[in-house]
Amino acid sequence: MSEGTCSRRCAGLRPLSLAINGPQEAHWRAAILERLGALRPGTTICPGELAVDLLPEIDKPLTVLRPLLYQLAEEGRVVLSQQKRTIPWWKIRGPFRIRRK
């Protein structure tokens, strides 16, 4: 285990996380928006379900995609909600839903 990682699992996810939130970010942003665009207008999806759809081979893929989802929310490209109320990404605590704006 290298310095700066909390576990072997974390160390294993780091390269993928860096790729998704780095050089391949445009690809993943487009994939997320395409998947959300396929939903009926106003329909939400569980971000965990979205992450599994995009990264089926990864255990707990939302951990990897969450920063990108928050970035898209900050830019106003997607809407995050809890209990059917829109909520800023920094106030998310617990389960939430996502839809394309």
N, C-alpha and C. Protein backbone atom coordinates (compact mmCIF):
# COMPACT_ATOMS: atom_id res chain seq x y z
N MET A 1 0.86 -1.17 0.00
CA MET A 1 0.00 0.00 0.00
C MET A 1 0.90 1.24 0.00
N SER A 2 0.60 2.16 -0.87
CA SER A 2 1.43 3.36 -0.96
C SER A 2 0.95 4.42 0.02
N GLU A 3 1.82 5.35 0.27
CA GLU A 3 1.47 6.44 1.18
C GLU A 3 0.35 7.28 0.56
N GLY A 4 -0.59 7.69 1.35
CA GLY A 4 -1.67 8.52 0.86
C GLY A 4 -2.94 7.76 0.49
N THR A 5 -2.90 6.43 0.59
CA THR A 5 -4.12 5.67 0.34
C THR A 5 -4.53 4.98 1.63
N CYS A 6 -5.82 4.81 1.81
CA CYS A 6 -6.32 4.28 3.08
C CYS A 6 -6.40 2.75 3.10
N SER A 7 -6.43 2.11 1.92
CA SER A 7 -6.56 0.66 1.89
C SER A 7 -6.11 0.14 0.53
N ARG A 8 -6.01 -1.17 0.42
CA ARG A 8 -5.68 -1.76 -0.88
C ARG A 8 -6.77 -1.46 -1.90
N ARG A 9 -8.02 -1.53 -1.44
CA ARG A 9 -9.13 -1.23 -2.34
C ARG A 9 -9.01 0.19 -2.87
N CYS A 10 -8.73 1.11 -1.97
CA CYS A 10 -8.57 2.51 -2.35
C CYS A 10 -7.41 2.66 -3.35
N ALA A 11 -6.32 2.00 -3.07
CA ALA A 11 -5.16 2.05 -3.96
C ALA A 11 -5.51 1.49 -5.33
N GLY A 12 -6.36 0.46 -5.38
CA GLY A 12 -6.77 -0.12 -6.65
C GLY A 12 -7.71 0.78 -7.44
N LEU A 13 -8.53 1.56 -6.77
CA LEU A 13 -9.46 2.46 -7.44
C LEU A 13 -8.80 3.77 -7.88
N ARG A 14 -7.69 4.12 -7.27
CA ARG A 14 -7.05 5.40 -7.56
C ARG A 14 -6.74 5.61 -9.04
N PRO A 15 -6.11 4.64 -9.75
CA PRO A 15 -5.83 4.87 -11.17
C PRO A 15 -7.11 5.10 -11.99
N LEU A 16 -8.16 4.34 -11.71
CA LEU A 16 -9.42 4.52 -12.43
C LEU A 16 -10.02 5.88 -12.12
N SER A 17 -10.00 6.26 -10.85
CA SER A 17 -10.54 7.54 -10.44
C SER A 17 -9.78 8.68 -11.12
N LEU A 18 -8.46 8.57 -11.20
CA LEU A 18 -7.66 9.61 -11.86
C LEU A 18 -7.97 9.68 -13.35
N ALA A 19 -8.22 8.53 -13.98
CA ALA A 19 -8.55 8.51 -15.41
C ALA A 19 -9.92 9.14 -15.65
N ILE A 20 -10.90 8.78 -14.82
CA ILE A 20 -12.26 9.30 -15.01
C ILE A 20 -12.32 10.79 -14.71
N ASN A 21 -11.63 11.21 -13.69
CA ASN A 21 -11.66 12.62 -13.30
C ASN A 21 -10.43 13.37 -13.79
N GLY A 22 -9.82 12.86 -14.85
CA GLY A 22 -8.63 13.48 -15.42
C GLY A 22 -8.66 13.42 -16.93
N PRO A 23 -7.72 12.67 -17.54
CA PRO A 23 -7.59 12.66 -19.00
C PRO A 23 -8.84 12.19 -19.76
N GLN A 24 -9.60 11.27 -19.19
CA GLN A 24 -10.78 10.75 -19.88
C GLN A 24 -12.08 11.40 -19.39
N GLU A 25 -11.95 12.50 -18.70
CA GLU A 25 -13.11 13.14 -18.09
C GLU A 25 -14.19 13.49 -19.11
N ALA A 26 -13.82 14.02 -20.27
CA ALA A 26 -14.80 14.40 -21.28
C ALA A 26 -15.62 13.19 -21.73
N HIS A 27 -14.96 12.05 -21.89
CA HIS A 27 -15.65 10.82 -22.28
C HIS A 27 -16.70 10.43 -21.23
N TRP A 28 -16.31 10.46 -19.96
CA TRP A 28 -17.22 10.05 -18.89
C TRP A 28 -18.35 11.05 -18.69
N ARG A 29 -18.05 12.33 -18.85
CA ARG A 29 -19.10 13.36 -18.76
C ARG A 29 -20.15 13.11 -19.84
N ALA A 30 -19.70 12.85 -21.06
CA ALA A 30 -20.61 12.58 -22.17
C ALA A 30 -21.43 11.31 -21.91
N ALA A 31 -20.79 10.28 -21.37
CA ALA A 31 -21.48 9.02 -21.08
C ALA A 31 -22.57 9.22 -20.03
N ILE A 32 -22.27 10.00 -19.00
CA ILE A 32 -23.25 10.28 -17.94
C ILE A 32 -24.43 11.06 -18.52
N LEU A 33 -24.13 12.13 -19.27
CA LEU A 33 -25.19 12.96 -19.83
C LEU A 33 -26.02 12.20 -20.86
N GLU A 34 -25.38 11.32 -21.63
CA GLU A 34 -26.10 10.50 -22.61
C GLU A 34 -27.07 9.55 -21.90
N ARG A 35 -26.58 8.92 -20.85
CA ARG A 35 -27.43 7.98 -20.08
C ARG A 35 -28.61 8.71 -19.45
N LEU A 36 -28.36 9.90 -18.88
CA LEU A 36 -29.43 10.68 -18.28
C LEU A 36 -30.38 11.22 -19.35
N GLY A 37 -29.85 11.54 -20.52
CA GLY A 37 -30.67 12.04 -21.61
C GLY A 37 -31.63 11.00 -22.16
N ALA A 38 -31.32 9.73 -21.95
CA ALA A 38 -32.19 8.65 -22.42
C ALA A 38 -33.43 8.47 -21.54
N LEU A 39 -33.42 9.10 -20.37
CA LEU A 39 -34.57 9.02 -19.47
C LEU A 39 -35.67 9.97 -19.94
N ARG A 40 -36.90 9.66 -19.60
CA ARG A 40 -38.01 10.57 -19.88
C ARG A 40 -37.75 11.88 -19.14
N PRO A 41 -38.20 13.01 -19.70
CA PRO A 41 -38.00 14.31 -19.02
C PRO A 41 -38.55 14.28 -17.59
N GLY A 42 -37.76 14.79 -16.66
CA GLY A 42 -38.16 14.85 -15.26
C GLY A 42 -37.90 13.59 -14.47
N THR A 43 -37.53 12.50 -15.15
CA THR A 43 -37.27 11.24 -14.47
C THR A 43 -35.90 11.27 -13.81
N THR A 44 -35.82 10.72 -12.60
CA THR A 44 -34.55 10.66 -11.89
C THR A 44 -34.03 9.22 -11.90
N ILE A 45 -32.76 9.10 -11.58
CA ILE A 45 -32.12 7.79 -11.48
C ILE A 45 -31.25 7.79 -10.23
N CYS A 46 -31.13 6.64 -9.63
CA CYS A 46 -30.22 6.48 -8.51
C CYS A 46 -28.80 6.60 -9.05
N PRO A 47 -27.95 7.44 -8.46
CA PRO A 47 -26.59 7.58 -8.97
C PRO A 47 -25.79 6.28 -8.88
N GLY A 48 -26.12 5.44 -7.91
CA GLY A 48 -25.46 4.14 -7.81
C GLY A 48 -25.80 3.26 -9.00
N GLU A 49 -27.05 3.30 -9.44
CA GLU A 49 -27.48 2.55 -10.62
C GLU A 49 -26.76 3.08 -11.86
N LEU A 50 -26.66 4.39 -11.98
CA LEU A 50 -25.94 5.00 -13.09
C LEU A 50 -24.48 4.56 -13.09
N ALA A 51 -23.86 4.58 -11.92
CA ALA A 51 -22.46 4.19 -11.81
C ALA A 51 -22.26 2.72 -12.19
N VAL A 52 -23.16 1.85 -11.76
CA VAL A 52 -23.07 0.43 -12.10
C VAL A 52 -23.23 0.24 -13.61
N ASP A 53 -24.15 1.00 -14.23
CA ASP A 53 -24.33 0.92 -15.67
C ASP A 53 -23.05 1.29 -16.42
N LEU A 54 -22.36 2.32 -15.93
CA LEU A 54 -21.16 2.80 -16.61
C LEU A 54 -19.90 2.03 -16.25
N LEU A 55 -19.84 1.51 -15.03
CA LEU A 55 -18.65 0.80 -14.54
C LEU A 55 -19.03 -0.53 -13.91
N PRO A 56 -19.58 -1.45 -14.68
CA PRO A 56 -20.11 -2.69 -14.10
C PRO A 56 -19.05 -3.58 -13.44
N GLU A 57 -17.80 -3.44 -13.83
CA GLU A 57 -16.76 -4.31 -13.29
C GLU A 57 -16.15 -3.81 -11.99
N ILE A 58 -16.57 -2.66 -11.52
CA ILE A 58 -15.99 -2.03 -10.34
C ILE A 58 -16.89 -2.24 -9.13
N ASP A 59 -16.28 -2.62 -8.00
CA ASP A 59 -17.01 -2.70 -6.74
C ASP A 59 -17.19 -1.28 -6.20
N LYS A 60 -18.41 -0.90 -5.91
CA LYS A 60 -18.75 0.45 -5.43
C LYS A 60 -18.31 1.54 -6.41
N PRO A 61 -18.84 1.49 -7.65
CA PRO A 61 -18.41 2.45 -8.66
C PRO A 61 -18.83 3.90 -8.38
N LEU A 62 -19.83 4.10 -7.54
CA LEU A 62 -20.23 5.47 -7.22
C LEU A 62 -19.10 6.23 -6.54
N THR A 63 -18.27 5.53 -5.81
CA THR A 63 -17.12 6.16 -5.17
C THR A 63 -16.23 6.85 -6.20
N VAL A 64 -16.12 6.23 -7.37
CA VAL A 64 -15.28 6.76 -8.43
C VAL A 64 -15.98 7.89 -9.19
N LEU A 65 -17.28 7.74 -9.45
CA LEU A 65 -18.00 8.73 -10.26
C LEU A 65 -18.53 9.92 -9.47
N ARG A 66 -18.65 9.78 -8.16
CA ARG A 66 -19.26 10.84 -7.35
C ARG A 66 -18.64 12.22 -7.59
N PRO A 67 -17.31 12.38 -7.61
CA PRO A 67 -16.76 13.72 -7.85
C PRO A 67 -17.19 14.32 -9.19
N LEU A 68 -17.30 13.49 -10.21
CA LEU A 68 -17.72 13.97 -11.52
C LEU A 68 -19.20 14.36 -11.51
N LEU A 69 -20.02 13.59 -10.81
CA LEU A 69 -21.44 13.94 -10.69
C LEU A 69 -21.60 15.27 -9.96
N TYR A 70 -20.83 15.46 -8.91
CA TYR A 70 -20.90 16.73 -8.16
C TYR A 70 -20.45 17.89 -9.03
N GLN A 71 -19.43 17.67 -9.86
CA GLN A 71 -18.95 18.71 -10.75
C GLN A 71 -20.03 19.08 -11.78
N LEU A 72 -20.70 18.07 -12.34
CA LEU A 72 -21.78 18.34 -13.29
C LEU A 72 -22.93 19.09 -12.62
N ALA A 73 -23.20 18.79 -11.37
CA ALA A 73 -24.24 19.51 -10.62
C ALA A 73 -23.82 20.95 -10.40
N GLU A 74 -22.57 21.16 -10.06
CA GLU A 74 -22.05 22.52 -9.82
C GLU A 74 -22.18 23.36 -11.10
N GLU A 75 -21.97 22.73 -12.25
CA GLU A 75 -22.06 23.42 -13.54
C GLU A 75 -23.51 23.62 -14.00
N GLY A 76 -24.45 23.01 -13.29
CA GLY A 76 -25.85 23.13 -13.67
C GLY A 76 -26.27 22.19 -14.79
N ARG A 77 -25.48 21.17 -15.08
CA ARG A 77 -25.80 20.21 -16.15
C ARG A 77 -26.74 19.12 -15.66
N VAL A 78 -26.68 18.82 -14.35
CA VAL A 78 -27.56 17.82 -13.75
C VAL A 78 -28.16 18.40 -12.47
N VAL A 79 -29.22 17.77 -12.02
CA VAL A 79 -29.89 18.20 -10.79
C VAL A 79 -29.85 17.03 -9.80
N LEU A 80 -29.44 17.32 -8.59
CA LEU A 80 -29.43 16.32 -7.52
C LEU A 80 -30.60 16.59 -6.60
N SER A 81 -31.22 15.52 -6.13
CA SER A 81 -32.36 15.72 -5.23
C SER A 81 -32.37 14.67 -4.13
N GLN A 82 -32.98 15.06 -3.03
CA GLN A 82 -33.24 14.17 -1.90
C GLN A 82 -34.68 14.41 -1.47
N GLN A 83 -35.41 13.33 -1.30
CA GLN A 83 -36.81 13.42 -0.90
C GLN A 83 -37.59 14.38 -1.81
N LYS A 84 -37.31 14.27 -3.11
CA LYS A 84 -37.98 15.04 -4.17
C LYS A 84 -37.72 16.54 -4.11
N ARG A 85 -36.71 16.96 -3.37
CA ARG A 85 -36.33 18.37 -3.31
C ARG A 85 -34.93 18.53 -3.89
N THR A 86 -34.75 19.54 -4.75
CA THR A 86 -33.44 19.84 -5.30
C THR A 86 -32.54 20.29 -4.16
N ILE A 87 -31.31 19.79 -4.19
CA ILE A 87 -30.38 20.09 -3.11
C ILE A 87 -28.99 20.30 -3.70
N PRO A 88 -28.23 21.28 -3.20
CA PRO A 88 -26.86 21.47 -3.69
C PRO A 88 -25.99 20.26 -3.35
N TRP A 89 -25.03 19.97 -4.19
CA TRP A 89 -24.21 18.77 -3.99
C TRP A 89 -23.51 18.76 -2.64
N TRP A 90 -23.11 19.91 -2.14
CA TRP A 90 -22.37 19.94 -0.88
C TRP A 90 -23.25 19.67 0.34
N LYS A 91 -24.57 19.64 0.15
CA LYS A 91 -25.47 19.34 1.27
C LYS A 91 -25.98 17.90 1.23
N ILE A 92 -25.52 17.13 0.25
CA ILE A 92 -25.96 15.74 0.11
C ILE A 92 -25.47 14.94 1.32
N ARG A 93 -26.39 14.29 1.98
CA ARG A 93 -26.09 13.36 3.08
C ARG A 93 -27.01 12.16 2.88
N GLY A 94 -26.47 11.04 2.56
CA GLY A 94 -27.28 9.85 2.35
C GLY A 94 -27.72 9.70 0.91
N PRO A 95 -28.76 8.89 0.70
CA PRO A 95 -29.24 8.59 -0.66
C PRO A 95 -29.72 9.84 -1.39
N PHE A 96 -29.45 9.89 -2.67
CA PHE A 96 -29.94 10.99 -3.50
C PHE A 96 -30.25 10.48 -4.89
N ARG A 97 -30.90 11.32 -5.68
CA ARG A 97 -31.27 10.99 -7.05
C ARG A 97 -30.65 12.02 -7.98
N ILE A 98 -30.57 11.68 -9.25
CA ILE A 98 -29.97 12.58 -10.23
C ILE A 98 -30.82 12.59 -11.50
N ARG A 99 -30.89 13.75 -12.14
CA ARG A 99 -31.55 13.87 -13.44
C ARG A 99 -30.83 14.94 -14.25
N ARG A 100 -31.02 14.85 -15.56
CA ARG A 100 -30.42 15.85 -16.43
C ARG A 100 -31.26 17.12 -16.38
N LYS A 101 -30.61 18.25 -16.39
CA LYS A 101 -31.32 19.53 -16.32
C LYS A 101 -31.89 19.88 -17.67
